[in-house]
Protein backbone atom coordinates (compact mmCIF):
# COMPACT_ATOMS: atom_id res chain seq x y z
CA ASN A 1 95.77 266.73 155.53
CA GLY A 2 94.96 264.34 158.36
CA GLY A 3 93.62 267.13 160.59
CA ASP A 4 97.10 268.35 161.52
CA GLY A 5 96.54 271.83 160.10
CA LEU A 6 99.30 271.46 157.52
CA ASP A 7 98.80 272.03 153.83
CA ASN A 8 101.12 269.28 152.66
CA GLU A 9 100.98 270.54 149.09
CA SER A 10 102.71 273.78 150.11
CA ILE A 11 105.63 272.17 151.94
CA GLU A 12 108.94 272.29 150.09
CA TRP A 13 111.40 269.61 151.19
CA TYR A 14 115.18 270.02 151.02
CA GLY A 15 117.74 267.73 152.53
CA ASN A 16 121.21 266.30 152.53
CA ASP A 17 122.99 263.17 153.61
CA ILE A 18 126.50 261.79 153.37
CA LEU A 19 125.14 258.43 152.18
CA PRO A 20 124.03 258.13 148.55
CA ASP A 21 121.65 255.27 149.46
CA ALA A 22 119.86 257.52 151.96
CA LEU A 23 119.44 260.17 149.27
CA GLN A 24 117.98 257.59 146.91
CA LEU A 25 115.39 256.63 149.54
CA ALA A 26 114.54 260.28 150.24
CA ARG A 27 114.05 261.00 146.56
CA ARG A 28 111.83 257.94 146.24
CA ASP A 29 109.74 258.75 149.31
CA VAL A 30 109.45 262.52 148.79
CA PRO A 31 108.78 263.20 145.12
CA GLY A 32 109.55 266.80 144.27
CA GLY A 33 111.97 267.19 147.17
CA GLN A 34 115.51 268.38 146.57
CA PHE A 35 118.17 266.23 148.21
CA ILE A 36 121.93 266.61 147.81
CA LEU A 37 125.04 264.77 148.91
CA GLY A 38 126.62 266.74 151.72
CA ASP A 39 127.85 266.76 155.29
CA SER A 40 125.50 268.41 157.81
CA ALA A 41 128.52 269.41 159.89
CA ASN A 42 129.61 271.76 157.08
CA LEU A 43 126.74 273.24 155.08
CA THR A 44 128.43 276.55 154.26
CA GLY A 45 129.82 275.44 150.90
CA PHE A 46 126.53 274.47 149.30
CA VAL A 47 123.82 276.40 151.14
CA PRO A 48 124.11 279.98 149.87
CA PHE A 49 120.79 281.10 151.36
CA PRO A 50 121.04 281.56 155.15
CA ALA A 51 117.97 282.37 157.25
CA THR A 52 115.65 281.10 154.54
CA PHE A 53 113.87 278.06 155.95
CA ASP A 54 110.98 277.91 158.41
CA GLY A 55 112.58 274.98 160.16
CA ALA A 56 115.37 272.43 160.16
CA ILE A 57 115.02 268.84 161.30
CA CYS A 58 117.75 266.36 162.10
CA GLY A 59 116.57 262.79 162.56
CA TYR A 60 119.61 261.75 164.55
CA ILE A 61 123.08 262.86 165.52
CA GLU A 62 125.93 260.41 165.31
CA PRO A 63 129.25 261.84 166.51
CA LEU A 64 132.31 261.00 164.47
CA ARG A 65 134.81 262.43 166.95
CA ALA A 66 134.07 261.25 170.48
CA ASP A 67 136.91 263.37 171.88
CA ALA A 68 135.16 266.62 171.00
CA VAL A 69 131.47 265.85 171.52
CA LYS A 70 130.39 269.31 172.73
CA ASP A 71 132.16 271.17 169.93
CA TRP A 72 130.96 268.68 167.33
CA PHE A 73 127.30 268.76 168.40
CA GLY A 74 127.44 272.51 168.88
CA ASN A 75 128.71 272.96 165.33
CA TRP A 76 126.06 270.64 163.88
CA VAL A 77 123.21 272.48 165.59
CA SER A 78 124.80 275.82 164.64
CA GLN A 79 124.79 274.75 160.98
CA MET A 80 121.04 274.13 161.23
CA THR A 81 120.31 277.43 162.98
CA HIS A 82 122.19 279.21 160.16
CA LEU A 83 119.57 277.92 157.71
CA VAL A 84 116.49 278.91 159.69
CA ARG A 85 114.84 282.32 159.56
CA PRO A 86 114.32 284.28 162.80
CA GLY A 87 111.37 282.75 164.63
CA GLY A 88 111.83 279.39 162.90
CA PHE A 89 112.60 276.12 164.65
CA VAL A 90 115.37 273.55 164.87
CA CYS A 91 114.44 270.00 165.83
CA VAL A 92 117.06 267.41 166.77
CA GLY A 93 115.75 263.90 167.35
CA ALA A 94 117.05 260.55 168.58
CA VAL A 95 119.64 262.00 170.93
CA GLN A 96 120.67 260.01 173.98
CA ALA A 97 119.36 261.41 177.29
CA GLU A 98 122.93 261.92 178.48
CA LEU A 99 126.16 261.77 176.51
CA VAL A 100 129.47 261.38 178.28
CA PRO A 101 132.40 262.88 176.35
CA SER A 102 135.51 260.71 176.24
CA ASP A 103 137.69 263.71 177.13
CA GLY A 104 136.47 263.65 180.76
CA SER A 105 134.47 266.87 180.50
CA GLU A 106 130.97 267.26 181.91
CA PRO A 107 128.24 265.04 180.42
CA LEU A 108 125.79 266.57 177.96
CA GLY A 109 122.36 266.30 179.56
CA PRO A 110 119.03 267.99 178.84
CA ASP A 111 120.26 271.36 180.19
CA TRP A 112 123.14 271.51 177.68
CA TRP A 113 120.70 271.28 174.75
CA ARG A 114 118.67 274.30 175.88
């Protein structure tokens, strides 16, 4: 437990990645977790249970289309909020302090993420 107040035995882990090697590592490091091959930018096809999870965590965001950064990030975060029950949380980590879209639009700073 480590004094963090969590009962680690009761946590159920689910995840996805577009890289098979990443899934292999997740399955190795989190026995009993369920990890599938899939794109976090489009979870609708294989996540039939919206508003089910207590939280969603994204370790990093790496944009594939620099010309549509706001739409792309907005969609990714929206996909995660679709999974989380009311009152749950969404955590996005390893995001640059400010992202400058290549289309000349306003930078994405801390206020955009709120």
